[in-house]
């Protein structure tokens, strides 16, 4: 059961497309809420929050909840801070992240700490502009000392002022086993609005019959 809870931490603690190596300006914030559902009626929801405490310090929280079709209830929460590494004016952005939180399944709780490293940069393909990033993290189970690792890759492209496409791949390794998820999305930004609508899917590697639909709302303040 501990391995299962730790797997949930790695698969749920994800980084939205424009987070990672990018920091928030002082006083600005970002919130995203997502919901997933598959054919078995397994469902999950998540809320991700960032706030620019200073131009060189972003703080936030990542909360996730899930309900299995078997009746299993679980969740995870991680609080974190992110700071830049090196020159913040160049095309390549680097940042490190440290955090702590807990995950749970039914009555079992596992506190954890997290250390992460992120890289990102803007890209240009023809006349289209976009972004790409890689986010890595290691999690330690405080009670048992177990470690797990995750690596998330993101590439996105702005098709128009309204629509953007995004592809994310999540990979986690726990107890010498590797788990992967393929997650394409379409982002829609209504004109003159500060929010985006996310419509996409998440499919585990080798088990695409378990693919979930994904709906989300992103908002900047």
N, C-alpha and C. Protein backbone atom coordinates (compact mmCIF):
# COMPACT_ATOMS: atom_id res chain seq x y z
N UNK A 1 0.82 -1.21 0.00
CA UNK A 1 0.00 0.00 0.00
C UNK A 1 0.86 1.27 0.00
N UNK A 2 2.02 1.21 0.71
CA UNK A 2 2.89 2.38 0.72
C UNK A 2 3.37 2.72 -0.69
N UNK A 3 3.72 1.71 -1.46
CA UNK A 3 4.18 1.95 -2.83
C UNK A 3 3.06 2.57 -3.66
N UNK A 4 1.84 2.13 -3.43
CA UNK A 4 0.70 2.68 -4.17
C UNK A 4 0.50 4.15 -3.84
N UNK A 5 0.58 4.49 -2.56
CA UNK A 5 0.42 5.89 -2.17
C UNK A 5 1.53 6.74 -2.76
N UNK A 6 2.77 6.23 -2.71
CA UNK A 6 3.90 6.98 -3.26
C UNK A 6 3.74 7.17 -4.76
N UNK A 7 3.19 6.16 -5.44
CA UNK A 7 2.93 6.30 -6.87
C UNK A 7 1.94 7.42 -7.13
N UNK A 8 0.93 7.53 -6.29
CA UNK A 8 -0.04 8.60 -6.45
C UNK A 8 0.61 9.96 -6.31
N UNK A 9 1.54 10.10 -5.37
CA UNK A 9 2.24 11.38 -5.22
C UNK A 9 2.91 11.75 -6.53
N UNK A 10 3.66 10.81 -7.10
CA UNK A 10 4.43 11.11 -8.31
C UNK A 10 3.54 11.41 -9.50
N UNK A 11 2.44 10.68 -9.64
CA UNK A 11 1.58 10.88 -10.80
C UNK A 11 0.71 12.11 -10.65
N UNK A 12 0.40 12.51 -9.43
CA UNK A 12 -0.51 13.63 -9.23
C UNK A 12 0.20 14.96 -9.10
N UNK A 13 1.38 14.96 -8.48
CA UNK A 13 2.07 16.24 -8.29
C UNK A 13 2.69 16.63 -9.62
N UNK A 14 1.92 17.32 -10.43
CA UNK A 14 2.34 17.68 -11.78
C UNK A 14 2.50 19.19 -11.88
N UNK A 15 3.15 19.62 -12.94
CA UNK A 15 3.43 21.03 -13.11
C UNK A 15 2.74 21.56 -14.36
N UNK A 16 1.84 22.54 -14.22
CA UNK A 16 1.20 23.11 -15.41
C UNK A 16 2.21 23.68 -16.39
N UNK A 17 1.75 23.89 -17.62
CA UNK A 17 2.66 24.17 -18.73
C UNK A 17 3.56 25.38 -18.52
N UNK A 18 3.06 26.46 -17.96
CA UNK A 18 3.87 27.67 -17.84
C UNK A 18 4.43 27.85 -16.44
N UNK A 19 4.52 26.78 -15.67
CA UNK A 19 5.17 26.86 -14.36
C UNK A 19 6.59 26.32 -14.53
N UNK A 20 6.98 25.34 -13.72
CA UNK A 20 8.30 24.78 -13.90
C UNK A 20 9.40 25.79 -13.66
N UNK A 21 10.18 26.06 -14.71
CA UNK A 21 11.31 26.96 -14.56
C UNK A 21 10.91 28.43 -14.53
N UNK A 22 9.68 28.73 -14.91
CA UNK A 22 9.23 30.12 -14.93
C UNK A 22 8.69 30.54 -13.56
N UNK A 23 9.06 31.74 -13.13
CA UNK A 23 8.59 32.26 -11.86
C UNK A 23 7.52 33.31 -12.10
N UNK A 24 6.67 33.50 -11.11
CA UNK A 24 5.63 34.53 -11.18
C UNK A 24 6.21 35.90 -10.80
N UNK A 25 5.71 36.93 -11.44
CA UNK A 25 6.09 38.28 -11.03
C UNK A 25 5.56 38.57 -9.63
N UNK A 26 6.24 39.45 -8.92
CA UNK A 26 5.83 39.78 -7.56
C UNK A 26 4.38 40.26 -7.54
N UNK A 27 3.58 39.66 -6.66
CA UNK A 27 2.20 40.05 -6.51
C UNK A 27 1.23 39.40 -7.47
N UNK A 28 1.72 38.63 -8.44
CA UNK A 28 0.84 37.96 -9.40
C UNK A 28 0.60 36.51 -8.96
N UNK A 29 -0.47 35.92 -9.46
CA UNK A 29 -0.80 34.55 -9.06
C UNK A 29 -1.40 33.79 -10.23
N UNK A 30 -1.41 32.48 -10.09
CA UNK A 30 -1.93 31.57 -11.11
C UNK A 30 -2.64 30.43 -10.40
N UNK A 31 -3.82 30.05 -10.91
CA UNK A 31 -4.59 28.94 -10.35
C UNK A 31 -5.09 28.08 -11.49
N UNK A 32 -4.93 26.78 -11.37
CA UNK A 32 -5.52 25.86 -12.34
C UNK A 32 -6.30 24.78 -11.60
N UNK A 33 -7.43 24.39 -12.17
CA UNK A 33 -8.24 23.31 -11.63
C UNK A 33 -8.53 22.33 -12.76
N UNK A 34 -8.33 21.03 -12.50
CA UNK A 34 -8.54 20.03 -13.53
C UNK A 34 -9.41 18.89 -13.00
N UNK A 35 -10.02 18.19 -13.95
CA UNK A 35 -10.86 17.04 -13.61
C UNK A 35 -10.64 15.97 -14.67
N UNK A 36 -10.45 14.71 -14.25
CA UNK A 36 -10.29 13.60 -15.20
C UNK A 36 -11.28 12.49 -14.88
N UNK A 37 -11.68 11.77 -15.94
CA UNK A 37 -12.65 10.67 -15.79
C UNK A 37 -12.37 9.65 -16.89
N UNK A 38 -12.31 8.34 -16.52
CA UNK A 38 -12.13 7.31 -17.53
C UNK A 38 -13.37 6.43 -17.65
N UNK A 39 -13.29 5.43 -18.53
CA UNK A 39 -14.46 4.59 -18.82
C UNK A 39 -14.87 3.74 -17.62
N UNK A 40 -13.93 3.48 -16.71
CA UNK A 40 -14.25 2.71 -15.51
C UNK A 40 -14.90 3.58 -14.43
N UNK A 41 -15.00 4.87 -14.72
CA UNK A 41 -15.53 5.87 -13.80
C UNK A 41 -14.57 6.18 -12.65
N UNK A 42 -13.29 5.90 -12.84
CA UNK A 42 -12.29 6.43 -11.93
C UNK A 42 -12.20 7.93 -12.21
N UNK A 43 -12.16 8.72 -11.18
CA UNK A 43 -12.11 10.17 -11.39
C UNK A 43 -11.11 10.82 -10.44
N UNK A 44 -10.56 11.92 -10.89
CA UNK A 44 -9.63 12.67 -10.05
C UNK A 44 -9.81 14.15 -10.33
N UNK A 45 -9.42 14.96 -9.37
CA UNK A 45 -9.48 16.41 -9.52
C UNK A 45 -8.23 16.99 -8.87
N UNK A 46 -7.81 18.13 -9.37
CA UNK A 46 -6.61 18.75 -8.82
C UNK A 46 -6.70 20.26 -8.87
N UNK A 47 -6.04 20.90 -7.93
CA UNK A 47 -5.93 22.36 -7.90
C UNK A 47 -4.47 22.72 -7.68
N UNK A 48 -3.96 23.59 -8.54
CA UNK A 48 -2.57 24.02 -8.48
C UNK A 48 -2.55 25.54 -8.33
N UNK A 49 -1.78 26.04 -7.35
CA UNK A 49 -1.76 27.47 -7.03
C UNK A 49 -0.33 27.96 -6.97
N UNK A 50 -0.07 29.10 -7.61
CA UNK A 50 1.22 29.77 -7.51
C UNK A 50 1.02 31.24 -7.15
N UNK A 51 1.98 31.78 -6.40
CA UNK A 51 1.94 33.20 -6.06
C UNK A 51 3.36 33.76 -6.08
N UNK A 52 3.55 34.90 -6.73
CA UNK A 52 4.86 35.54 -6.78
C UNK A 52 5.12 36.34 -5.51
N UNK A 53 5.83 35.74 -4.56
CA UNK A 53 6.13 36.42 -3.30
C UNK A 53 7.13 37.54 -3.54
N UNK A 54 8.14 37.23 -4.33
CA UNK A 54 9.09 38.21 -4.85
C UNK A 54 9.35 37.83 -6.30
N UNK A 55 10.03 38.68 -7.03
CA UNK A 55 10.35 38.34 -8.42
C UNK A 55 11.24 37.10 -8.51
N UNK A 56 11.99 36.82 -7.44
CA UNK A 56 12.86 35.65 -7.44
C UNK A 56 12.39 34.57 -6.48
N UNK A 57 11.13 34.61 -6.08
CA UNK A 57 10.58 33.59 -5.19
C UNK A 57 9.10 33.39 -5.49
N UNK A 58 8.77 32.18 -5.91
CA UNK A 58 7.37 31.79 -6.13
C UNK A 58 7.00 30.71 -5.13
N UNK A 59 5.85 30.87 -4.49
CA UNK A 59 5.36 29.86 -3.55
C UNK A 59 4.05 29.29 -4.08
N UNK A 60 3.69 28.09 -3.60
CA UNK A 60 2.46 27.52 -4.12
C UNK A 60 2.07 26.23 -3.44
N UNK A 61 1.02 25.63 -3.96
CA UNK A 61 0.49 24.38 -3.42
C UNK A 61 -0.11 23.57 -4.56
N UNK A 62 0.01 22.24 -4.43
CA UNK A 62 -0.53 21.30 -5.40
C UNK A 62 -1.41 20.30 -4.65
N UNK A 63 -2.72 20.31 -4.93
CA UNK A 63 -3.66 19.44 -4.23
C UNK A 63 -4.38 18.55 -5.23
N UNK A 64 -4.50 17.26 -4.89
CA UNK A 64 -5.18 16.31 -5.77
C UNK A 64 -6.04 15.36 -4.95
N UNK A 65 -7.16 14.94 -5.55
CA UNK A 65 -8.07 13.99 -4.93
C UNK A 65 -8.54 13.00 -5.98
N UNK A 66 -8.81 11.75 -5.56
CA UNK A 66 -9.24 10.73 -6.52
C UNK A 66 -10.24 9.79 -5.86
N UNK A 67 -11.15 9.30 -6.70
CA UNK A 67 -12.12 8.29 -6.29
C UNK A 67 -12.08 7.15 -7.30
N UNK A 68 -11.73 5.95 -6.84
CA UNK A 68 -11.69 4.78 -7.69
C UNK A 68 -13.09 4.19 -7.85
N UNK A 69 -13.32 3.51 -8.97
CA UNK A 69 -14.61 2.84 -9.16
C UNK A 69 -14.79 1.70 -8.16
N UNK A 70 -13.70 1.32 -7.47
CA UNK A 70 -13.76 0.29 -6.43
C UNK A 70 -14.09 0.88 -5.06
N UNK A 71 -14.24 2.20 -5.01
CA UNK A 71 -14.59 2.85 -3.75
C UNK A 71 -13.41 3.37 -2.97
N UNK A 72 -12.19 3.29 -3.53
CA UNK A 72 -10.99 3.75 -2.84
C UNK A 72 -10.86 5.26 -2.98
N UNK A 73 -10.72 5.96 -1.86
CA UNK A 73 -10.54 7.40 -1.87
C UNK A 73 -9.10 7.75 -1.48
N UNK A 74 -8.52 8.70 -2.19
CA UNK A 74 -7.12 9.03 -1.95
C UNK A 74 -6.87 10.49 -2.32
N UNK A 75 -5.70 10.97 -1.94
CA UNK A 75 -5.37 12.36 -2.24
C UNK A 75 -3.93 12.68 -1.89
N UNK A 76 -3.50 13.87 -2.27
CA UNK A 76 -2.14 14.32 -1.97
C UNK A 76 -2.13 15.84 -1.95
N UNK A 77 -1.26 16.40 -1.11
CA UNK A 77 -1.06 17.84 -1.07
C UNK A 77 0.42 18.11 -0.86
N UNK A 78 0.98 19.03 -1.63
CA UNK A 78 2.37 19.42 -1.50
C UNK A 78 2.47 20.94 -1.54
N UNK A 79 3.11 21.53 -0.55
CA UNK A 79 3.41 22.96 -0.54
C UNK A 79 4.86 23.14 -0.97
N UNK A 80 5.15 24.19 -1.75
CA UNK A 80 6.48 24.31 -2.31
C UNK A 80 6.90 25.77 -2.44
N UNK A 81 8.20 25.96 -2.65
CA UNK A 81 8.75 27.26 -3.05
C UNK A 81 9.72 27.02 -4.19
N UNK A 82 9.79 27.99 -5.10
CA UNK A 82 10.65 27.88 -6.28
C UNK A 82 11.52 29.12 -6.39
N UNK A 83 12.80 28.91 -6.70
CA UNK A 83 13.72 30.02 -6.89
C UNK A 83 14.53 29.80 -8.17
N UNK A 84 14.98 30.88 -8.81
CA UNK A 84 15.71 30.74 -10.07
C UNK A 84 17.16 30.32 -9.83
N UNK A 85 17.76 29.77 -10.89
CA UNK A 85 19.17 29.43 -10.88
C UNK A 85 19.83 30.18 -12.04
N UNK A 86 20.87 30.92 -11.77
CA UNK A 86 21.61 31.59 -12.81
C UNK A 86 20.90 32.79 -13.41
N UNK A 87 21.26 33.12 -14.65
CA UNK A 87 20.76 34.29 -15.35
C UNK A 87 19.29 34.12 -15.72
N UNK A 88 18.46 35.01 -15.24
CA UNK A 88 17.02 34.92 -15.53
C UNK A 88 16.63 35.66 -16.81
N UNK A 89 17.58 36.38 -17.42
CA UNK A 89 17.28 37.15 -18.62
C UNK A 89 17.56 36.38 -19.91
N UNK A 90 18.28 35.28 -19.83
CA UNK A 90 18.61 34.52 -21.02
C UNK A 90 17.45 33.67 -21.51
N UNK A 91 17.61 33.02 -22.67
CA UNK A 91 16.52 32.20 -23.23
C UNK A 91 16.25 30.94 -22.41
N UNK A 92 17.27 30.40 -21.77
CA UNK A 92 17.10 29.18 -20.97
C UNK A 92 16.81 29.56 -19.52
N UNK A 93 15.72 29.04 -19.02
CA UNK A 93 15.31 29.30 -17.64
C UNK A 93 15.58 28.05 -16.79
N UNK A 94 16.21 28.27 -15.63
CA UNK A 94 16.45 27.19 -14.68
C UNK A 94 15.90 27.59 -13.32
N UNK A 95 15.39 26.61 -12.60
CA UNK A 95 14.88 26.89 -11.26
C UNK A 95 14.93 25.62 -10.42
N UNK A 96 15.05 25.81 -9.12
CA UNK A 96 14.95 24.67 -8.21
C UNK A 96 13.72 24.85 -7.33
N UNK A 97 13.26 23.73 -6.80
CA UNK A 97 12.03 23.73 -6.01
C UNK A 97 12.21 22.81 -4.81
N UNK A 98 11.74 23.23 -3.66
CA UNK A 98 11.70 22.36 -2.49
C UNK A 98 10.29 22.43 -1.92
N UNK A 99 9.84 21.32 -1.36
CA UNK A 99 8.48 21.29 -0.85
C UNK A 99 8.26 20.16 0.14
N UNK A 100 7.09 20.14 0.73
CA UNK A 100 6.72 19.11 1.70
C UNK A 100 5.22 18.97 1.70
N UNK A 101 4.74 17.79 2.07
CA UNK A 101 3.30 17.57 2.11
C UNK A 101 2.99 16.16 2.56
N UNK A 102 1.84 15.67 2.18
CA UNK A 102 1.43 14.32 2.55
C UNK A 102 0.48 13.77 1.50
N UNK A 103 0.46 12.45 1.41
CA UNK A 103 -0.52 11.76 0.56
C UNK A 103 -1.27 10.78 1.44
N UNK A 104 -2.43 10.35 0.99
CA UNK A 104 -3.22 9.42 1.79
C UNK A 104 -4.09 8.55 0.89
N UNK A 105 -4.32 7.33 1.38
CA UNK A 105 -5.30 6.42 0.80
C UNK A 105 -6.10 5.86 1.95
N UNK A 106 -7.41 6.15 1.95
CA UNK A 106 -8.26 5.78 3.08
C UNK A 106 -7.65 6.36 4.36
N UNK A 107 -7.25 5.52 5.32
CA UNK A 107 -6.71 6.02 6.59
C UNK A 107 -5.19 6.05 6.64
N UNK A 108 -4.52 5.57 5.58
CA UNK A 108 -3.07 5.56 5.55
C UNK A 108 -2.54 6.91 5.07
N UNK A 109 -1.62 7.50 5.82
CA UNK A 109 -1.04 8.80 5.48
C UNK A 109 0.47 8.68 5.38
N UNK A 110 1.04 9.33 4.35
CA UNK A 110 2.48 9.29 4.14
C UNK A 110 3.00 10.70 3.93
N UNK A 111 3.63 11.31 4.94
CA UNK A 111 4.26 12.62 4.74
C UNK A 111 5.49 12.48 3.85
N UNK A 112 5.77 13.53 3.08
CA UNK A 112 6.90 13.45 2.17
C UNK A 112 7.57 14.82 2.03
N UNK A 113 8.80 14.81 1.55
CA UNK A 113 9.50 16.03 1.16
C UNK A 113 9.89 15.88 -0.30
N UNK A 114 10.10 17.01 -0.97
CA UNK A 114 10.34 17.02 -2.40
C UNK A 114 11.47 17.99 -2.73
N UNK A 115 12.33 17.59 -3.67
CA UNK A 115 13.36 18.48 -4.24
C UNK A 115 13.24 18.37 -5.75
N UNK A 116 13.18 19.51 -6.44
CA UNK A 116 12.99 19.49 -7.88
C UNK A 116 13.92 20.43 -8.62
N UNK A 117 14.15 20.13 -9.88
CA UNK A 117 14.96 20.96 -10.77
C UNK A 117 14.22 21.07 -12.10
N UNK A 118 14.10 22.32 -12.62
CA UNK A 118 13.34 22.55 -13.85
C UNK A 118 14.13 23.36 -14.85
N UNK A 119 13.88 23.08 -16.12
CA UNK A 119 14.45 23.85 -17.23
C UNK A 119 13.35 24.17 -18.22
N UNK A 120 13.42 25.34 -18.83
CA UNK A 120 12.45 25.71 -19.85
C UNK A 120 12.96 26.82 -20.74
N UNK A 121 12.33 26.95 -21.91
CA UNK A 121 12.69 28.04 -22.82
C UNK A 121 11.58 28.20 -23.85
N UNK A 122 11.55 29.37 -24.46
CA UNK A 122 10.62 29.61 -25.55
C UNK A 122 11.15 29.01 -26.83
N UNK A 123 10.24 28.65 -27.76
CA UNK A 123 10.64 28.07 -29.03
C UNK A 123 9.88 28.76 -30.16
N UNK A 124 10.41 28.64 -31.38
CA UNK A 124 9.76 29.17 -32.56
C UNK A 124 9.79 28.11 -33.66
N UNK A 125 8.62 27.82 -34.22
CA UNK A 125 8.50 26.88 -35.33
C UNK A 125 7.80 27.62 -36.47
N UNK A 126 8.56 28.02 -37.48
CA UNK A 126 7.99 28.83 -38.54
C UNK A 126 7.56 30.18 -37.98
N UNK A 127 6.29 30.49 -38.17
CA UNK A 127 5.76 31.74 -37.63
C UNK A 127 5.00 31.52 -36.33
N UNK A 128 5.12 30.32 -35.74
CA UNK A 128 4.43 29.99 -34.49
C UNK A 128 5.42 30.03 -33.32
N UNK A 129 4.96 30.52 -32.21
CA UNK A 129 5.78 30.59 -31.00
C UNK A 129 5.22 29.64 -29.94
N UNK A 130 6.11 29.13 -29.12
CA UNK A 130 5.67 28.21 -28.08
C UNK A 130 6.67 28.10 -26.96
N UNK A 131 6.68 26.99 -26.29
CA UNK A 131 7.54 26.79 -25.13
C UNK A 131 7.81 25.31 -24.96
N UNK A 132 8.87 25.02 -24.25
CA UNK A 132 9.16 23.64 -23.88
C UNK A 132 9.83 23.64 -22.52
N UNK A 133 9.66 22.55 -21.79
CA UNK A 133 10.24 22.48 -20.46
C UNK A 133 10.38 21.06 -19.98
N UNK A 134 11.29 20.86 -19.04
CA UNK A 134 11.49 19.57 -18.39
C UNK A 134 11.52 19.82 -16.89
N UNK A 135 10.72 19.06 -16.15
CA UNK A 135 10.64 19.20 -14.70
C UNK A 135 10.97 17.86 -14.05
N UNK A 136 11.97 17.84 -13.20
CA UNK A 136 12.35 16.62 -12.50
C UNK A 136 12.17 16.82 -11.00
N UNK A 137 11.92 15.73 -10.30
CA UNK A 137 11.73 15.82 -8.85
C UNK A 137 12.03 14.47 -8.19
N UNK A 138 12.51 14.54 -6.97
CA UNK A 138 12.70 13.35 -6.13
C UNK A 138 11.87 13.54 -4.88
N UNK A 139 11.16 12.49 -4.48
CA UNK A 139 10.32 12.51 -3.28
C UNK A 139 10.86 11.51 -2.26
N UNK A 140 10.86 11.93 -1.00
CA UNK A 140 11.26 11.05 0.09
C UNK A 140 10.07 10.82 1.02
N UNK A 141 9.80 9.56 1.28
CA UNK A 141 8.80 9.19 2.28
C UNK A 141 9.44 9.39 3.66
N UNK A 142 8.94 10.36 4.42
CA UNK A 142 9.55 10.71 5.70
C UNK A 142 9.54 9.54 6.67
N UNK A 143 8.49 8.73 6.67
CA UNK A 143 8.36 7.67 7.67
C UNK A 143 9.21 6.45 7.36
N UNK A 144 9.43 6.14 6.07
CA UNK A 144 10.17 4.92 5.73
C UNK A 144 11.52 5.19 5.06
N UNK A 145 11.73 6.43 4.59
CA UNK A 145 12.97 6.74 3.90
C UNK A 145 12.98 6.34 2.44
N UNK A 146 11.90 5.80 1.93
CA UNK A 146 11.83 5.41 0.52
C UNK A 146 11.91 6.63 -0.38
N UNK A 147 12.50 6.42 -1.55
CA UNK A 147 12.60 7.50 -2.52
C UNK A 147 11.88 7.11 -3.82
N UNK A 148 11.39 8.11 -4.51
CA UNK A 148 10.84 7.91 -5.85
C UNK A 148 11.22 9.14 -6.68
N UNK A 149 11.19 8.98 -7.98
CA UNK A 149 11.59 10.07 -8.87
C UNK A 149 10.57 10.23 -9.98
N UNK A 150 10.47 11.44 -10.50
CA UNK A 150 9.58 11.69 -11.61
C UNK A 150 10.21 12.68 -12.57
N UNK A 151 9.82 12.57 -13.84
CA UNK A 151 10.32 13.44 -14.88
C UNK A 151 9.16 13.79 -15.80
N UNK A 152 8.86 15.08 -15.92
CA UNK A 152 7.77 15.54 -16.76
C UNK A 152 8.32 16.38 -17.90
N UNK A 153 7.87 16.12 -19.11
CA UNK A 153 8.26 16.92 -20.27
C UNK A 153 7.06 17.59 -20.88
N UNK A 154 7.22 18.84 -21.30
CA UNK A 154 6.12 19.62 -21.89
C UNK A 154 6.60 20.34 -23.13
N UNK A 155 5.79 20.31 -24.17
CA UNK A 155 6.03 21.14 -25.33
C UNK A 155 4.69 21.72 -25.77
N UNK A 156 4.67 23.02 -26.04
CA UNK A 156 3.43 23.69 -26.41
C UNK A 156 3.66 24.66 -27.54
N UNK A 157 2.60 24.93 -28.29
CA UNK A 157 2.69 25.84 -29.44
C UNK A 157 1.41 26.65 -29.54
N UNK A 158 1.57 27.96 -29.72
CA UNK A 158 0.42 28.85 -29.90
C UNK A 158 0.01 28.83 -31.37
N UNK A 159 -1.15 28.27 -31.67
CA UNK A 159 -1.63 28.23 -33.03
C UNK A 159 -2.19 29.59 -33.47
N UNK A 160 -2.99 30.19 -32.60
CA UNK A 160 -3.57 31.51 -32.84
C UNK A 160 -3.57 32.26 -31.52
N UNK A 161 -4.13 33.45 -31.50
CA UNK A 161 -4.26 34.20 -30.24
C UNK A 161 -5.25 33.53 -29.30
N UNK A 162 -6.05 32.62 -29.82
CA UNK A 162 -7.08 31.97 -29.02
C UNK A 162 -6.72 30.54 -28.64
N UNK A 163 -6.07 29.79 -29.53
CA UNK A 163 -5.83 28.37 -29.30
C UNK A 163 -4.34 28.03 -29.22
N UNK A 164 -4.03 27.07 -28.36
CA UNK A 164 -2.68 26.53 -28.22
C UNK A 164 -2.78 25.02 -28.08
N UNK A 165 -1.77 24.32 -28.55
CA UNK A 165 -1.68 22.88 -28.36
C UNK A 165 -0.57 22.55 -27.39
N UNK A 166 -0.75 21.49 -26.63
CA UNK A 166 0.24 21.13 -25.61
C UNK A 166 0.33 19.61 -25.51
N UNK A 167 1.56 19.11 -25.41
CA UNK A 167 1.79 17.68 -25.19
C UNK A 167 2.67 17.53 -23.96
N UNK A 168 2.21 16.71 -23.01
CA UNK A 168 2.99 16.45 -21.81
C UNK A 168 3.18 14.95 -21.64
N UNK A 169 4.35 14.58 -21.15
CA UNK A 169 4.65 13.18 -20.83
C UNK A 169 5.15 13.13 -19.39
N UNK A 170 4.49 12.30 -18.58
CA UNK A 170 4.87 12.14 -17.18
C UNK A 170 5.49 10.75 -17.00
N UNK A 171 6.66 10.69 -16.38
CA UNK A 171 7.32 9.41 -16.11
C UNK A 171 7.70 9.37 -14.64
N UNK A 172 7.37 8.27 -13.97
CA UNK A 172 7.71 8.10 -12.55
C UNK A 172 8.36 6.74 -12.35
N UNK A 173 9.34 6.69 -11.45
CA UNK A 173 10.01 5.43 -11.13
C UNK A 173 9.91 5.17 -9.63
N UNK A 174 9.35 4.01 -9.28
CA UNK A 174 9.17 3.63 -7.89
C UNK A 174 9.51 2.15 -7.76
N UNK A 175 10.37 1.81 -6.82
CA UNK A 175 10.75 0.41 -6.59
C UNK A 175 11.20 -0.28 -7.86
N UNK A 176 12.04 0.40 -8.64
CA UNK A 176 12.60 -0.13 -9.88
C UNK A 176 11.56 -0.35 -10.98
N UNK A 177 10.36 0.14 -10.79
CA UNK A 177 9.33 0.06 -11.82
C UNK A 177 9.06 1.45 -12.37
N UNK A 178 8.81 1.50 -13.68
CA UNK A 178 8.60 2.77 -14.36
C UNK A 178 7.16 2.87 -14.84
N UNK A 179 6.55 4.03 -14.60
CA UNK A 179 5.18 4.30 -15.01
C UNK A 179 5.18 5.56 -15.87
N UNK A 180 4.42 5.55 -16.95
CA UNK A 180 4.39 6.70 -17.84
C UNK A 180 2.98 7.07 -18.25
N UNK A 181 2.78 8.34 -18.55
CA UNK A 181 1.48 8.85 -18.97
C UNK A 181 1.68 9.83 -20.12
N UNK A 182 0.84 9.69 -21.13
CA UNK A 182 0.86 10.53 -22.33
C UNK A 182 -0.35 11.46 -22.24
N UNK A 183 -0.13 12.80 -22.32
CA UNK A 183 -1.22 13.74 -22.05
C UNK A 183 -1.24 14.90 -23.05
N UNK A 184 -1.97 14.77 -24.17
CA UNK A 184 -2.15 15.89 -25.10
C UNK A 184 -3.33 16.77 -24.67
N UNK A 185 -3.24 18.07 -24.94
CA UNK A 185 -4.32 18.98 -24.57
C UNK A 185 -4.45 20.11 -25.59
N UNK A 186 -5.63 20.66 -25.65
CA UNK A 186 -5.90 21.88 -26.40
C UNK A 186 -6.27 22.96 -25.39
N UNK A 187 -5.63 24.13 -25.50
CA UNK A 187 -5.92 25.27 -24.62
C UNK A 187 -6.65 26.34 -25.41
N UNK A 188 -7.73 26.83 -24.85
CA UNK A 188 -8.55 27.85 -25.50
C UNK A 188 -8.59 29.08 -24.61
N UNK A 189 -8.17 30.21 -25.14
CA UNK A 189 -8.16 31.46 -24.39
C UNK A 189 -9.13 32.45 -25.04
N UNK A 190 -10.31 32.65 -24.44
CA UNK A 190 -11.24 33.64 -24.99
C UNK A 190 -10.59 35.01 -25.08
N UNK A 191 -10.90 35.74 -26.11
CA UNK A 191 -10.28 37.05 -26.33
C UNK A 191 -10.56 38.00 -25.16
N UNK A 192 -9.52 38.74 -24.79
CA UNK A 192 -9.61 39.76 -23.73
C UNK A 192 -9.93 39.16 -22.36
N UNK A 193 -9.64 37.87 -22.18
CA UNK A 193 -9.86 37.22 -20.90
C UNK A 193 -8.53 36.73 -20.34
N UNK A 194 -8.47 36.53 -19.03
CA UNK A 194 -7.25 36.08 -18.38
C UNK A 194 -7.29 34.59 -18.03
N UNK A 195 -8.29 33.87 -18.53
CA UNK A 195 -8.35 32.45 -18.23
C UNK A 195 -8.26 31.63 -19.52
N UNK A 196 -7.88 30.37 -19.35
CA UNK A 196 -7.81 29.41 -20.45
C UNK A 196 -8.63 28.18 -20.10
N UNK A 197 -9.21 27.57 -21.09
CA UNK A 197 -9.94 26.32 -20.93
C UNK A 197 -9.08 25.20 -21.50
N UNK A 198 -8.89 24.16 -20.73
CA UNK A 198 -8.08 23.02 -21.17
C UNK A 198 -8.98 21.83 -21.46
N UNK A 199 -8.81 21.25 -22.65
CA UNK A 199 -9.54 20.05 -23.05
C UNK A 199 -8.51 19.04 -23.54
N UNK A 200 -8.45 17.88 -22.90
CA UNK A 200 -7.42 16.92 -23.29
C UNK A 200 -7.70 15.52 -22.82
N UNK A 201 -6.64 14.72 -22.77
CA UNK A 201 -6.74 13.32 -22.38
C UNK A 201 -5.45 12.92 -21.69
N UNK A 202 -5.52 11.83 -20.88
CA UNK A 202 -4.35 11.25 -20.23
C UNK A 202 -4.41 9.74 -20.40
N UNK A 203 -3.38 9.17 -21.02
CA UNK A 203 -3.36 7.73 -21.25
C UNK A 203 -2.10 7.09 -20.72
N UNK A 204 -2.20 6.07 -19.84
CA UNK A 204 -1.01 5.38 -19.34
C UNK A 204 -0.31 4.63 -20.48
N UNK A 205 1.02 4.61 -20.46
CA UNK A 205 1.77 3.85 -21.46
C UNK A 205 1.37 2.37 -21.38
N UNK A 206 1.09 1.79 -22.52
CA UNK A 206 0.77 0.36 -22.57
C UNK A 206 -0.63 0.03 -22.11
N UNK A 207 -1.42 1.01 -21.74
CA UNK A 207 -2.79 0.74 -21.27
C UNK A 207 -3.70 1.89 -21.71
N UNK A 208 -3.70 2.17 -23.00
CA UNK A 208 -4.45 3.31 -23.49
C UNK A 208 -5.97 3.11 -23.41
N UNK A 209 -6.40 1.87 -23.14
CA UNK A 209 -7.83 1.65 -22.91
C UNK A 209 -8.28 2.30 -21.60
N UNK A 210 -7.31 2.66 -20.75
CA UNK A 210 -7.63 3.32 -19.48
C UNK A 210 -7.50 4.84 -19.59
N UNK A 211 -7.48 5.34 -20.82
CA UNK A 211 -7.33 6.78 -21.05
C UNK A 211 -8.48 7.56 -20.42
N UNK A 212 -8.14 8.67 -19.79
CA UNK A 212 -9.14 9.55 -19.17
C UNK A 212 -9.30 10.82 -20.00
N UNK A 213 -10.50 11.36 -20.00
CA UNK A 213 -10.69 12.69 -20.54
C UNK A 213 -10.28 13.69 -19.46
N UNK A 214 -9.82 14.85 -19.89
CA UNK A 214 -9.32 15.84 -18.94
C UNK A 214 -9.89 17.20 -19.29
N UNK A 215 -10.47 17.86 -18.31
CA UNK A 215 -10.99 19.22 -18.46
C UNK A 215 -10.36 20.10 -17.40
N UNK A 216 -9.99 21.30 -17.80
CA UNK A 216 -9.34 22.19 -16.85
C UNK A 216 -9.65 23.64 -17.10
N UNK A 217 -9.38 24.45 -16.10
CA UNK A 217 -9.54 25.90 -16.18
C UNK A 217 -8.32 26.54 -15.55
N UNK A 218 -7.63 27.41 -16.32
CA UNK A 218 -6.46 28.13 -15.82
C UNK A 218 -6.82 29.60 -15.69
N UNK A 219 -6.31 30.23 -14.64
CA UNK A 219 -6.64 31.64 -14.40
C UNK A 219 -5.44 32.35 -13.84
N UNK A 220 -5.11 33.53 -14.41
CA UNK A 220 -4.05 34.38 -13.90
C UNK A 220 -4.64 35.64 -13.29
N UNK A 221 -4.00 36.12 -12.22
CA UNK A 221 -4.50 37.30 -11.51
C UNK A 221 -3.40 38.35 -11.44
